[in-house]
Amino acid sequence: MKFLKFLASVVLSLNVCSLSVLANEDSYTYTVRVFANGNIVSEQKKSQGESLDPLDASSIPQYEEDNIVYNPIAIVESGKDRMSDALYLSGTPVMEDQDYVVVYQKLVDPVTYTIRFLTTDGTQLLEPQTFTGNRFEEAIHSAPYIDGYQAQARNYRFTLKNDGAVYNMYYESTTPAPIPGTTTTITDTNTETETVTTPGTTTTPATTPATTPGTTPAPGDTTTPGETTNPGETTTPEGEEQTTPQEPEDLVDIDEDNTPLAGPEDSEDSTKPSFMNQYGWYIGLGAGVLLLIGLGAYFLKKKKEA
């Protein structure tokens, strides 16, 4: 009996240990560090599958050595080539502890460029930021987080060409647009006029039927000429749609002061050839053949008359 009790206690202890190990594995957080010139400029604690945060490019400094300025051009996984799939891109899932390093290049043909943070209708969300890079150098910037808005892409890439160039990062609001309420004027012959505002359709005073004295319209019951709505039912005004931003792209190429060259807004129809481009050659050939037949018939008729 004592042996069985001892065995049961051993098994129970092993189960408790295994459960604690599994719990620790589930709660383990990974560390992602970014080094610039030997110094840590970013350190993130992430659970498995969480996304890398966007990095503010202004927090990654240039450095000078022997009167030569070196400019940050990329962030890559430590020990990996920058041309491989090792770039630091915000939104990438974290699956392990990782160290990233900033790659620097000598600043030999400097140009300045500005990044603006705008809504799709041109409203400025943050103050523009200005940076310096080499002409014809590729730059990658992650879109900073802005409360209430979602970037069209998590990361933007462009090639520096002109000094003073401007590049736009576009955002869409994540707050649903409110549906305008409606006003119904209720007229009672024995009481004063009462105005009630409810969401849904609108009834003008001229079309509101008078109520019988002593009665009260049902709550939420509004009427539009030629239309009846159920009590409590709301109607979205015609022409208004409730839309939510699409999932952002991981990496999008942009041009100077332009909209993204790739992404969810691209239209496939813009790449399709027009009808004339596809069939214009055949139409021209057919017209030429008909012209030749007509000329042949004309000269044949002239010959017979002669």
C-alpha atoms as a PDB file:
ATOM      1  CA  MET A   1       0.000   0.000   0.000  1.00  0.00           C
ATOM      2  CA  LYS A   2       2.806   2.411   0.899  1.00  0.00           C
ATOM      3  CA  PHE A   3       4.497   1.636  -2.391  1.00  0.00           C
ATOM      4  CA  LEU A   4       1.318   2.442  -4.349  1.00  0.00           C
ATOM      5  CA  LYS A   5       0.969   5.764  -2.504  1.00  0.00           C
ATOM      6  CA  PHE A   6       4.594   6.594  -3.249  1.00  0.00           C
ATOM      7  CA  LEU A   7       4.114   5.754  -6.942  1.00  0.00           C
ATOM      8  CA  ALA A   8       0.960   7.882  -7.146  1.00  0.00           C
ATOM      9  CA  SER A   9       2.766  10.861  -5.588  1.00  0.00           C
ATOM     10  CA  VAL A  10       5.638  10.521  -8.101  1.00  0.00           C
ATOM     11  CA  VAL A  11       3.211  10.434 -11.050  1.00  0.00           C
ATOM     12  CA  LEU A  12       1.335  13.463  -9.683  1.00  0.00           C
ATOM     13  CA  SER A  13       4.579  15.415  -9.276  1.00  0.00           C
ATOM     14  CA  LEU A  14       5.605  14.634 -12.842  1.00  0.00           C
ATOM     15  CA  ASN A  15       2.234  15.838 -14.146  1.00  0.00           C
ATOM     16  CA  VAL A  16       2.513  19.103 -12.213  1.00  0.00           C
ATOM     17  CA  CYS A  17       6.041  19.658 -13.570  1.00  0.00           C
ATOM     18  CA  SER A  18       4.981  18.977 -17.163  1.00  0.00           C
ATOM     19  CA  LEU A  19       2.027  21.352 -16.851  1.00  0.00           C
ATOM     20  CA  SER A  20       4.258  24.110 -15.478  1.00  0.00           C
ATOM     21  CA  VAL A  21       6.731  23.606 -18.357  1.00  0.00           C
ATOM     22  CA  LEU A  22       3.918  23.850 -20.926  1.00  0.00           C
ATOM     23  CA  ALA A  23       2.575  26.973 -19.221  1.00  0.00           C
ATOM     24  CA  ASN A  24       6.033  28.571 -19.311  1.00  0.00           C
ATOM     25  CA  GLU A  25       6.364  27.739 -23.027  1.00  0.00           C
ATOM     26  CA  ASP A  26       2.985  29.308 -23.769  1.00  0.00           C
ATOM     27  CA  SER A  27       3.849  32.488 -21.841  1.00  0.00           C
ATOM     28  CA  TYR A  28       7.407  32.813 -23.169  1.00  0.00           C
ATOM     29  CA  THR A  29       8.187  36.071 -24.897  1.00  0.00           C
ATOM     30  CA  TYR A  30      10.806  36.504 -27.586  1.00  0.00           C
ATOM     31  CA  THR A  31      13.242  39.410 -27.699  1.00  0.00           C
ATOM     32  CA  VAL A  32      13.923  41.288 -30.918  1.00  0.00           C
ATOM     33  CA  ARG A  33      16.809  43.768 -30.838  1.00  0.00           C
ATOM     34  CA  VAL A  34      18.020  46.232 -33.452  1.00  0.00           C
ATOM     35  CA  PHE A  35      21.660  47.372 -33.315  1.00  0.00           C
ATOM     36  CA  ALA A  36      23.003  50.513 -34.995  1.00  0.00           C
ATOM     37  CA  ASN A  37      26.778  51.006 -34.939  1.00  0.00           C
ATOM     38  CA  GLY A  38      27.030  48.679 -31.947  1.00  0.00           C
ATOM     39  CA  ASN A  39      24.234  50.333 -29.926  1.00  0.00           C
ATOM     40  CA  ILE A  40      20.724  49.008 -29.313  1.00  0.00           C
ATOM     41  CA  VAL A  41      18.193  51.398 -30.883  1.00  0.00           C
ATOM     42  CA  SER A  42      15.142  49.155 -30.445  1.00  0.00           C
ATOM     43  CA  GLU A  43      14.226  46.224 -28.202  1.00  0.00           C
ATOM     44  CA  GLN A  44      10.841  44.520 -28.426  1.00  0.00           C
ATOM     45  CA  LYS A  45       9.298  41.776 -26.294  1.00  0.00           C
ATOM     46  CA  LYS A  46       6.896  39.691 -28.358  1.00  0.00           C
ATOM     47  CA  SER A  47       4.808  36.561 -27.883  1.00  0.00           C
ATOM     48  CA  GLN A  48       4.942  33.941 -30.611  1.00  0.00           C
ATOM     49  CA  GLY A  49       3.223  35.179 -33.768  1.00  0.00           C
ATOM     50  CA  GLU A  50       3.029  38.840 -32.736  1.00  0.00           C
ATOM     51  CA  SER A  51       4.118  41.377 -35.351  1.00  0.00           C
ATOM     52  CA  LEU A  52       7.287  43.446 -35.468  1.00  0.00           C
ATOM     53  CA  ASP A  53       6.676  47.082 -34.633  1.00  0.00           C
ATOM     54  CA  PRO A  54       7.317  49.839 -37.183  1.00  0.00           C
ATOM     55  CA  LEU A  55      10.641  51.593 -36.587  1.00  0.00           C
ATOM     56  CA  ASP A  56      10.934  55.354 -36.648  1.00  0.00           C
ATOM     57  CA  ALA A  57      13.711  56.023 -39.165  1.00  0.00           C
ATOM     58  CA  SER A  58      14.642  59.209 -37.321  1.00  0.00           C
ATOM     59  CA  SER A  59      15.727  57.065 -34.358  1.00  0.00           C
ATOM     60  CA  ILE A  60      18.432  55.385 -36.485  1.00  0.00           C
ATOM     61  CA  PRO A  61      21.257  57.916 -36.717  1.00  0.00           C
ATOM     62  CA  GLN A  62      24.025  58.502 -39.202  1.00  0.00           C
ATOM     63  CA  TYR A  63      27.542  58.282 -37.866  1.00  0.00           C
ATOM     64  CA  GLU A  64      30.834  59.916 -38.792  1.00  0.00           C
ATOM     65  CA  GLU A  65      34.284  58.359 -38.928  1.00  0.00           C
ATOM     66  CA  ASP A  66      37.499  59.988 -40.239  1.00  0.00           C
ATOM     67  CA  ASN A  67      35.421  62.923 -41.518  1.00  0.00           C
ATOM     68  CA  ILE A  68      33.275  60.557 -43.604  1.00  0.00           C
ATOM     69  CA  VAL A  69      29.518  60.395 -42.963  1.00  0.00           C
ATOM     70  CA  TYR A  70      27.868  56.968 -43.095  1.00  0.00           C
ATOM     71  CA  ASN A  71      24.154  56.699 -43.805  1.00  0.00           C
ATOM     72  CA  PRO A  72      21.762  53.884 -42.716  1.00  0.00           C
ATOM     73  CA  ILE A  73      20.385  52.124 -45.802  1.00  0.00           C
ATOM     74  CA  ALA A  74      18.835  48.872 -44.510  1.00  0.00           C
ATOM     75  CA  ILE A  75      18.072  46.775 -41.441  1.00  0.00           C
ATOM     76  CA  VAL A  76      18.773  43.051 -41.783  1.00  0.00           C
ATOM     77  CA  GLU A  77      18.989  39.979 -39.595  1.00  0.00           C
ATOM     78  CA  SER A  78      22.368  39.675 -37.947  1.00  0.00           C
ATOM     79  CA  GLY A  79      24.795  37.580 -40.001  1.00  0.00           C
ATOM     80  CA  LYS A  80      22.654  37.593 -43.166  1.00  0.00           C
ATOM     81  CA  ASP A  81      23.069  39.315 -46.520  1.00  0.00           C
ATOM     82  CA  ARG A  82      20.872  42.388 -47.080  1.00  0.00           C
ATOM     83  CA  MET A  83      19.868  41.061 -50.513  1.00  0.00           C
ATOM     84  CA  SER A  84      18.254  37.973 -48.971  1.00  0.00           C
ATOM     85  CA  ASP A  85      14.808  37.804 -47.380  1.00  0.00           C
ATOM     86  CA  ALA A  86      16.284  39.086 -44.122  1.00  0.00           C
ATOM     87  CA  LEU A  87      15.079  42.693 -44.194  1.00  0.00           C
ATOM     88  CA  TYR A  88      13.398  44.107 -41.129  1.00  0.00           C
ATOM     89  CA  LEU A  89       9.775  44.657 -42.180  1.00  0.00           C
ATOM     90  CA  SER A  90       7.132  45.770 -39.707  1.00  0.00           C
ATOM     91  CA  GLY A  91       4.218  43.354 -39.527  1.00  0.00           C
ATOM     92  CA  THR A  92       6.454  40.264 -39.828  1.00  0.00           C
ATOM     93  CA  PRO A  93       5.458  37.563 -37.281  1.00  0.00           C
ATOM     94  CA  VAL A  94       8.003  36.932 -34.505  1.00  0.00           C
ATOM     95  CA  MET A  95       8.814  33.225 -34.131  1.00  0.00           C
ATOM     96  CA  GLU A  96      12.139  33.328 -32.238  1.00  0.00           C
ATOM     97  CA  ASP A  97      14.692  35.565 -30.555  1.00  0.00           C
ATOM     98  CA  GLN A  98      16.236  37.745 -33.252  1.00  0.00           C
ATOM     99  CA  ASP A  99      18.932  40.365 -33.605  1.00  0.00           C
ATOM    100  CA  TYR A 100      18.936  42.861 -36.460  1.00  0.00           C
ATOM    101  CA  VAL A 101      21.728  45.199 -37.510  1.00  0.00           C
ATOM    102  CA  VAL A 102      21.624  48.470 -39.424  1.00  0.00           C
ATOM    103  CA  VAL A 103      23.626  48.421 -42.662  1.00  0.00           C
ATOM    104  CA  TYR A 104      25.512  51.657 -43.383  1.00  0.00           C
ATOM    105  CA  GLN A 105      26.920  53.097 -46.576  1.00  0.00           C
ATOM    106  CA  LYS A 106      29.256  56.017 -47.221  1.00  0.00           C
ATOM    107  CA  LEU A 107      27.373  59.216 -48.046  1.00  0.00           C
ATOM    108  CA  VAL A 108      28.936  60.243 -51.377  1.00  0.00           C
ATOM    109  CA  ASP A 109      26.110  61.848 -53.398  1.00  0.00           C
ATOM    110  CA  PRO A 110      23.669  63.135 -50.772  1.00  0.00           C
ATOM    111  CA  VAL A 111      20.095  64.120 -51.527  1.00  0.00           C
ATOM    112  CA  THR A 112      17.399  65.071 -49.036  1.00  0.00           C
ATOM    113  CA  TYR A 113      13.877  63.685 -49.183  1.00  0.00           C
ATOM    114  CA  THR A 114      10.699  64.227 -47.195  1.00  0.00           C
ATOM    115  CA  ILE A 115       8.032  61.730 -46.149  1.00  0.00           C
ATOM    116  CA  ARG A 116       4.461  62.925 -45.580  1.00  0.00           C
ATOM    117  CA  PHE A 117       1.751  61.029 -43.712  1.00  0.00           C
ATOM    118  CA  LEU A 118      -1.623  61.706 -45.330  1.00  0.00           C
ATOM    119  CA  THR A 119      -5.162  60.417 -45.557  1.00  0.00           C
ATOM    120  CA  THR A 120      -6.431  59.496 -49.005  1.00  0.00           C
ATOM    121  CA  ASP A 121      -8.144  62.896 -49.256  1.00  0.00           C
ATOM    122  CA  GLY A 122      -4.872  64.728 -48.522  1.00  0.00           C
ATOM    123  CA  THR A 123      -5.294  65.527 -44.805  1.00  0.00           C
ATOM    124  CA  GLN A 124      -1.948  65.637 -42.978  1.00  0.00           C
ATOM    125  CA  LEU A 125      -1.839  63.273 -39.972  1.00  0.00           C
ATOM    126  CA  LEU A 126       1.740  63.799 -38.717  1.00  0.00           C
ATOM    127  CA  GLU A 127       4.434  66.375 -39.239  1.00  0.00           C
ATOM    128  CA  PRO A 128       6.547  65.535 -42.336  1.00  0.00           C
ATOM    129  CA  GLN A 129       9.985  64.001 -41.702  1.00  0.00           C
ATOM    130  CA  THR A 130      13.107  64.825 -43.732  1.00  0.00           C
ATOM    131  CA  PHE A 131      16.009  62.432 -44.290  1.00  0.00           C
ATOM    132  CA  THR A 132      19.266  62.249 -46.229  1.00  0.00           C
ATOM    133  CA  GLY A 133      20.440  59.453 -48.520  1.00  0.00           C
ATOM    134  CA  ASN A 134      22.573  58.716 -51.565  1.00  0.00           C
ATOM    135  CA  ARG A 135      21.184  59.449 -55.004  1.00  0.00           C
ATOM    136  CA  PHE A 136      19.894  56.252 -56.712  1.00  0.00           C
ATOM    137  CA  GLU A 137      19.932  54.468 -53.353  1.00  0.00           C
ATOM    138  CA  GLU A 138      16.953  52.315 -52.351  1.00  0.00           C
ATOM    139  CA  ALA A 139      15.191  53.361 -49.160  1.00  0.00           C
ATOM    140  CA  ILE A 140      12.683  51.347 -47.100  1.00  0.00           C
ATOM    141  CA  HIS A 141      10.573  52.996 -44.398  1.00  0.00           C
ATOM    142  CA  SER A 142       7.914  51.400 -42.228  1.00  0.00           C
ATOM    143  CA  ALA A 143       4.656  53.309 -41.794  1.00  0.00           C
ATOM    144  CA  PRO A 144       4.349  54.613 -38.226  1.00  0.00           C
ATOM    145  CA  TYR A 145       1.313  53.697 -36.151  1.00  0.00           C
ATOM    146  CA  ILE A 146      -1.355  56.430 -36.009  1.00  0.00           C
ATOM    147  CA  ASP A 147      -4.297  55.945 -33.669  1.00  0.00           C
ATOM    148  CA  GLY A 148      -7.593  55.653 -35.544  1.00  0.00           C
ATOM    149  CA  TYR A 149      -5.943  55.090 -38.931  1.00  0.00           C
ATOM    150  CA  GLN A 150      -4.473  52.197 -40.902  1.00  0.00           C
ATOM    151  CA  ALA A 151      -1.676  52.574 -43.440  1.00  0.00           C
ATOM    152  CA  GLN A 152      -2.304  51.254 -46.951  1.00  0.00           C
ATOM    153  CA  ALA A 153       1.023  49.402 -46.590  1.00  0.00           C
ATOM    154  CA  ARG A 154       3.117  48.389 -43.597  1.00  0.00           C
ATOM    155  CA  ASN A 155       6.354  49.274 -45.391  1.00  0.00           C
ATOM    156  CA  TYR A 156       7.182  51.592 -48.294  1.00  0.00           C
ATOM    157  CA  ARG A 157      10.137  51.327 -50.691  1.00  0.00           C
ATOM    158  CA  PHE A 158      11.434  53.901 -53.160  1.00  0.00           C
ATOM    159  CA  THR A 159      14.588  54.896 -55.036  1.00  0.00           C
ATOM    160  CA  LEU A 160      16.101  58.297 -54.334  1.00  0.00           C
ATOM    161  CA  LYS A 161      16.568  60.348 -57.497  1.00  0.00           C
ATOM    162  CA  ASN A 162      16.020  64.062 -57.000  1.00  0.00           C
ATOM    163  CA  ASP A 163      17.114  66.316 -54.176  1.00  0.00           C
ATOM    164  CA  GLY A 164      14.099  67.561 -52.219  1.00  0.00           C
ATOM    165  CA  ALA A 165      11.799  64.746 -53.396  1.00  0.00           C
ATOM    166  CA  VAL A 166       8.571  64.140 -51.463  1.00  0.00           C
ATOM    167  CA  TYR A 167       7.116  60.679 -50.795  1.00  0.00           C
ATOM    168  CA  ASN A 168       3.625  60.093 -49.411  1.00  0.00           C
ATOM    169  CA  MET A 169       2.449  57.381 -47.042  1.00  0.00           C
ATOM    170  CA  TYR A 170      -1.341  57.064 -47.243  1.00  0.00           C
ATOM    171  CA  TYR A 171      -3.698  56.086 -44.421  1.00  0.00           C
ATOM    172  CA  GLU A 172      -7.385  55.219 -44.183  1.00  0.00           C
ATOM    173  CA  SER A 173      -9.611  55.865 -41.191  1.00  0.00           C
ATOM    174  CA  THR A 174     -10.564  52.819 -39.118  1.00  0.00           C
ATOM    175  CA  THR A 175     -13.483  54.657 -37.494  1.00  0.00           C
ATOM    176  CA  PRO A 176     -16.804  53.923 -39.246  1.00  0.00           C
ATOM    177  CA  ALA A 177     -18.476  57.029 -40.638  1.00  0.00           C
ATOM    178  CA  PRO A 178     -21.633  57.876 -38.647  1.00  0.00           C
ATOM    179  CA  ILE A 179     -24.959  57.431 -40.413  1.00  0.00           C
ATOM    180  CA  PRO A 180     -26.825  60.767 -40.351  1.00  0.00           C
ATOM    181  CA  GLY A 181     -29.888  60.705 -38.102  1.00  0.00           C
ATOM    182  CA  THR A 182     -33.339  61.742 -39.274  1.00  0.00           C
ATOM    183  CA  THR A 183     -35.876  64.153 -37.911  1.00  0.00           C
ATOM    184  CA  THR A 184     -39.585  63.393 -37.680  1.00  0.00           C
ATOM    185  CA  THR A 185     -42.008  66.149 -36.718  1.00  0.00           C
ATOM    186  CA  ILE A 186     -45.070  64.805 -34.895  1.00  0.00           C
ATOM    187  CA  THR A 187     -48.091  67.093 -34.830  1.00  0.00           C
ATOM    188  CA  ASP A 188     -50.870  66.560 -32.296  1.00  0.00           C
ATOM    189  CA  THR A 189     -53.998  68.719 -32.606  1.00  0.00           C
ATOM    190  CA  ASN A 190     -54.269  69.054 -28.813  1.00  0.00           C
ATOM    191  CA  THR A 191     -50.582  69.430 -27.946  1.00  0.00           C
ATOM    192  CA  GLU A 192     -47.560  71.361 -29.081  1.00  0.00           C
ATOM    193  CA  THR A 193     -45.465  70.144 -32.005  1.00  0.00           C
ATOM    194  CA  GLU A 194     -42.730  67.721 -30.907  1.00  0.00           C
ATOM    195  CA  THR A 195     -39.555  67.008 -32.895  1.00  0.00           C
ATOM    196  CA  VAL A 196     -38.028  63.533 -32.507  1.00  0.00           C
ATOM    197  CA  THR A 197     -34.626  62.552 -33.979  1.00  0.00           C
ATOM    198  CA  THR A 198     -34.109  58.892 -34.864  1.00  0.00           C
ATOM    199  CA  PRO A 199     -31.596  57.094 -37.102  1.00  0.00           C
ATOM    200  CA  GLY A 200     -32.966  56.061 -40.471  1.00  0.00           C
ATOM    201  CA  THR A 201     -35.072  57.842 -43.044  1.00  0.00           C
ATOM    202  CA  THR A 202     -36.400  61.405 -42.928  1.00  0.00           C
ATOM    203  CA  THR A 203     -40.024  62.548 -42.883  1.00  0.00           C
ATOM    204  CA  THR A 204     -40.732  66.191 -43.625  1.00  0.00           C
ATOM    205  CA  PRO A 205     -43.501  68.073 -41.805  1.00  0.00           C
ATOM    206  CA  ALA A 206     -45.571  68.337 -44.986  1.00  0.00           C
ATOM    207  CA  THR A 207     -45.753  64.573 -45.372  1.00  0.00           C
ATOM    208  CA  THR A 208     -46.205  63.621 -41.707  1.00  0.00           C
ATOM    209  CA  PRO A 209     -49.746  62.388 -41.127  1.00  0.00           C
ATOM    210  CA  ALA A 210     -51.486  63.980 -38.173  1.00  0.00           C
ATOM    211  CA  THR A 211     -52.001  61.641 -35.256  1.00  0.00           C
ATOM    212  CA  THR A 212     -55.329  61.028 -33.608  1.00  0.00           C
ATOM    213  CA  PRO A 213     -55.715  63.118 -30.427  1.00  0.00           C
ATOM    214  CA  GLY A 214     -54.643  61.174 -27.387  1.00  0.00           C
ATOM    215  CA  THR A 215     -52.475  58.673 -29.300  1.00  0.00           C
ATOM    216  CA  THR A 216     -48.692  58.406 -29.503  1.00  0.00           C
ATOM    217  CA  PRO A 217     -46.761  57.007 -32.486  1.00  0.00           C
ATOM    218  CA  ALA A 218     -44.828  53.788 -31.830  1.00  0.00           C
ATOM    219  CA  PRO A 219     -41.155  54.400 -30.842  1.00  0.00           C
ATOM    220  CA  GLY A 220     -38.756  54.344 -33.776  1.00  0.00           C
ATOM    221  CA  ASP A 221     -41.607  54.306 -36.310  1.00  0.00           C
ATOM    222  CA  THR A 222     -40.745  56.811 -39.043  1.00  0.00           C
ATOM    223  CA  THR A 223     -42.406  57.238 -42.404  1.00  0.00           C
ATOM    224  CA  THR A 224     -41.138  58.368 -45.783  1.00  0.00           C
ATOM    225  CA  PRO A 225     -43.630  59.144 -48.599  1.00  0.00           C
ATOM    226  CA  GLY A 226     -44.408  55.874 -50.353  1.00  0.00           C
ATOM    227  CA  GLU A 227     -42.353  53.857 -47.857  1.00  0.00           C
ATOM    228  CA  THR A 228     -43.047  52.245 -44.504  1.00  0.00           C
ATOM    229  CA  THR A 229     -40.361  51.131 -42.102  1.00  0.00           C
ATOM    230  CA  ASN A 230     -40.765  48.662 -39.282  1.00  0.00           C
ATOM    231  CA  PRO A 231     -40.594  49.978 -35.722  1.00  0.00           C
ATOM    232  CA  GLY A 232     -36.982  50.369 -34.652  1.00  0.00           C
ATOM    233  CA  GLU A 233     -35.657  49.767 -38.167  1.00  0.00           C
ATOM    234  CA  THR A 234     -32.985  52.116 -39.502  1.00  0.00           C
ATOM    235  CA  THR A 235     -32.198  52.748 -43.123  1.00  0.00           C
ATOM    236  CA  THR A 236     -28.826  53.796 -44.537  1.00  0.00           C
ATOM    237  CA  PRO A 237     -29.259  56.848 -46.788  1.00  0.00           C
ATOM    238  CA  GLU A 238     -28.980  55.987 -50.459  1.00  0.00           C
ATOM    239  CA  GLY A 239     -25.487  56.405 -51.904  1.00  0.00           C
ATOM    240  CA  GLU A 240     -23.700  55.932 -48.552  1.00  0.00           C
ATOM    241  CA  GLU A 241     -21.716  52.781 -47.894  1.00  0.00           C
ATOM    242  CA  GLN A 242     -20.039  51.627 -44.742  1.00  0.00           C
ATOM    243  CA  THR A 243     -16.553  50.521 -45.742  1.00  0.00           C
ATOM    244  CA  THR A 244     -13.624  49.195 -43.755  1.00  0.00           C
ATOM    245  CA  PRO A 245      -9.973  49.568 -44.791  1.00  0.00           C
ATOM    246  CA  GLN A 246      -8.475  46.615 -46.608  1.00  0.00           C
ATOM    247  CA  GLU A 247      -5.669  44.613 -45.036  1.00  0.00           C
ATOM    248  CA  PRO A 248      -2.443  46.555 -45.713  1.00  0.00           C
ATOM    249  CA  GLU A 249       0.231  45.276 -48.101  1.00  0.00           C
ATOM    250  CA  ASP A 250       3.514  44.107 -46.561  1.00  0.00           C
ATOM    251  CA  LEU A 251       5.741  46.119 -48.910  1.00  0.00           C
ATOM    252  CA  VAL A 252       4.718  48.675 -51.541  1.00  0.00           C
ATOM    253  CA  ASP A 253       6.820  50.607 -54.073  1.00  0.00           C
ATOM    254  CA  ILE A 254       6.026  54.302 -54.366  1.00  0.00           C
ATOM    255  CA  ASP A 255       7.235  57.135 -56.579  1.00  0.00           C
ATOM    256  CA  GLU A 256       7.875  60.779 -55.819  1.00  0.00           C
ATOM    257  CA  ASP A 257       4.758  62.575 -54.558  1.00  0.00           C
ATOM    258  CA  ASN A 258       2.552  59.835 -55.962  1.00  0.00           C
ATOM    259  CA  THR A 259       0.111  57.145 -54.933  1.00  0.00           C
ATOM    260  CA  PRO A 260       1.365  53.555 -54.421  1.00  0.00           C
ATOM    261  CA  LEU A 261       2.391  51.747 -57.590  1.00  0.00           C
ATOM    262  CA  ALA A 262       1.147  48.432 -56.174  1.00  0.00           C
ATOM    263  CA  GLY A 263      -1.596  47.540 -53.758  1.00  0.00           C
ATOM    264  CA  PRO A 264      -5.311  46.926 -53.304  1.00  0.00           C
ATOM    265  CA  GLU A 265      -6.339  50.056 -55.242  1.00  0.00           C
ATOM    266  CA  ASP A 266      -4.727  48.941 -58.514  1.00  0.00           C
ATOM    267  CA  SER A 267      -7.253  48.277 -61.285  1.00  0.00           C
ATOM    268  CA  GLU A 268      -6.816  45.333 -63.606  1.00  0.00           C
ATOM    269  CA  ASP A 269      -8.827  47.106 -66.324  1.00  0.00           C
ATOM    270  CA  SER A 270      -6.101  49.736 -66.726  1.00  0.00           C
ATOM    271  CA  THR A 271      -3.778  47.114 -68.196  1.00  0.00           C
ATOM    272  CA  LYS A 272      -6.263  45.735 -70.727  1.00  0.00           C
ATOM    273  CA  PRO A 273      -5.840  46.871 -74.364  1.00  0.00           C
ATOM    274  CA  SER A 274      -8.698  48.868 -75.836  1.00  0.00           C
ATOM    275  CA  PHE A 275     -10.977  47.558 -78.579  1.00  0.00           C
ATOM    276  CA  MET A 276      -9.174  49.587 -81.245  1.00  0.00           C
ATOM    277  CA  ASN A 277      -5.765  48.386 -80.051  1.00  0.00           C
ATOM    278  CA  GLN A 278      -6.906  44.782 -80.338  1.00  0.00           C
ATOM    279  CA  TYR A 279      -8.899  44.920 -83.593  1.00  0.00           C
ATOM    280  CA  GLY A 280      -7.825  48.150 -85.326  1.00  0.00           C
ATOM    281  CA  TRP A 281      -5.445  46.303 -87.702  1.00  0.00           C
ATOM    282  CA  TYR A 282      -8.231  43.983 -88.871  1.00  0.00           C
ATOM    283  CA  ILE A 283     -10.643  46.875 -89.338  1.00  0.00           C
ATOM    284  CA  GLY A 284      -8.086  48.758 -91.438  1.00  0.00           C
ATOM    285  CA  LEU A 285      -7.355  45.688 -93.570  1.00  0.00           C
ATOM    286  CA  GLY A 286     -11.073  45.114 -94.212  1.00  0.00           C
ATOM    287  CA  ALA A 287     -11.572  48.749 -95.207  1.00  0.00           C
ATOM    288  CA  GLY A 288      -8.644  48.497 -97.640  1.00  0.00           C
ATOM    289  CA  VAL A 289     -10.084  45.373 -99.280  1.00  0.00           C
ATOM    290  CA  LEU A 290     -13.503  47.019 -99.701  1.00  0.00           C
ATOM    291  CA  LEU A 291     -11.833  50.077-101.247  1.00  0.00           C
ATOM    292  CA  LEU A 292      -9.963  47.912-103.775  1.00  0.00           C
ATOM    293  CA  ILE A 293     -13.164  46.045-104.718  1.00  0.00           C
ATOM    294  CA  GLY A 294     -15.006  49.349-105.209  1.00  0.00           C
ATOM    295  CA  LEU A 295     -12.231  50.776-107.402  1.00  0.00           C
ATOM    296  CA  GLY A 296     -12.119  47.569-109.456  1.00  0.00           C
ATOM    297  CA  ALA A 297     -15.876  47.660-110.056  1.00  0.00           C
ATOM    298  CA  TYR A 298     -15.707  51.351-111.020  1.00  0.00           C
ATOM    299  CA  PHE A 299     -12.963  50.877-113.621  1.00  0.00           C
ATOM    300  CA  LEU A 300     -14.655  47.722-115.005  1.00  0.00           C
ATOM    301  CA  LYS A 301     -17.869  49.690-115.510  1.00  0.00           C
ATOM    302  CA  LYS A 302     -15.958  52.499-117.261  1.00  0.00           C
ATOM    303  CA  LYS A 303     -14.262  49.983-119.546  1.00  0.00           C
ATOM    304  CA  LYS A 304     -17.602  48.436-120.577  1.00  0.00           C
ATOM    305  CA  GLU A 305     -19.103  51.872-121.296  1.00  0.00           C
ATOM    306  CA  ALA A 306     -16.135  52.726-123.499  1.00  0.00           C
END
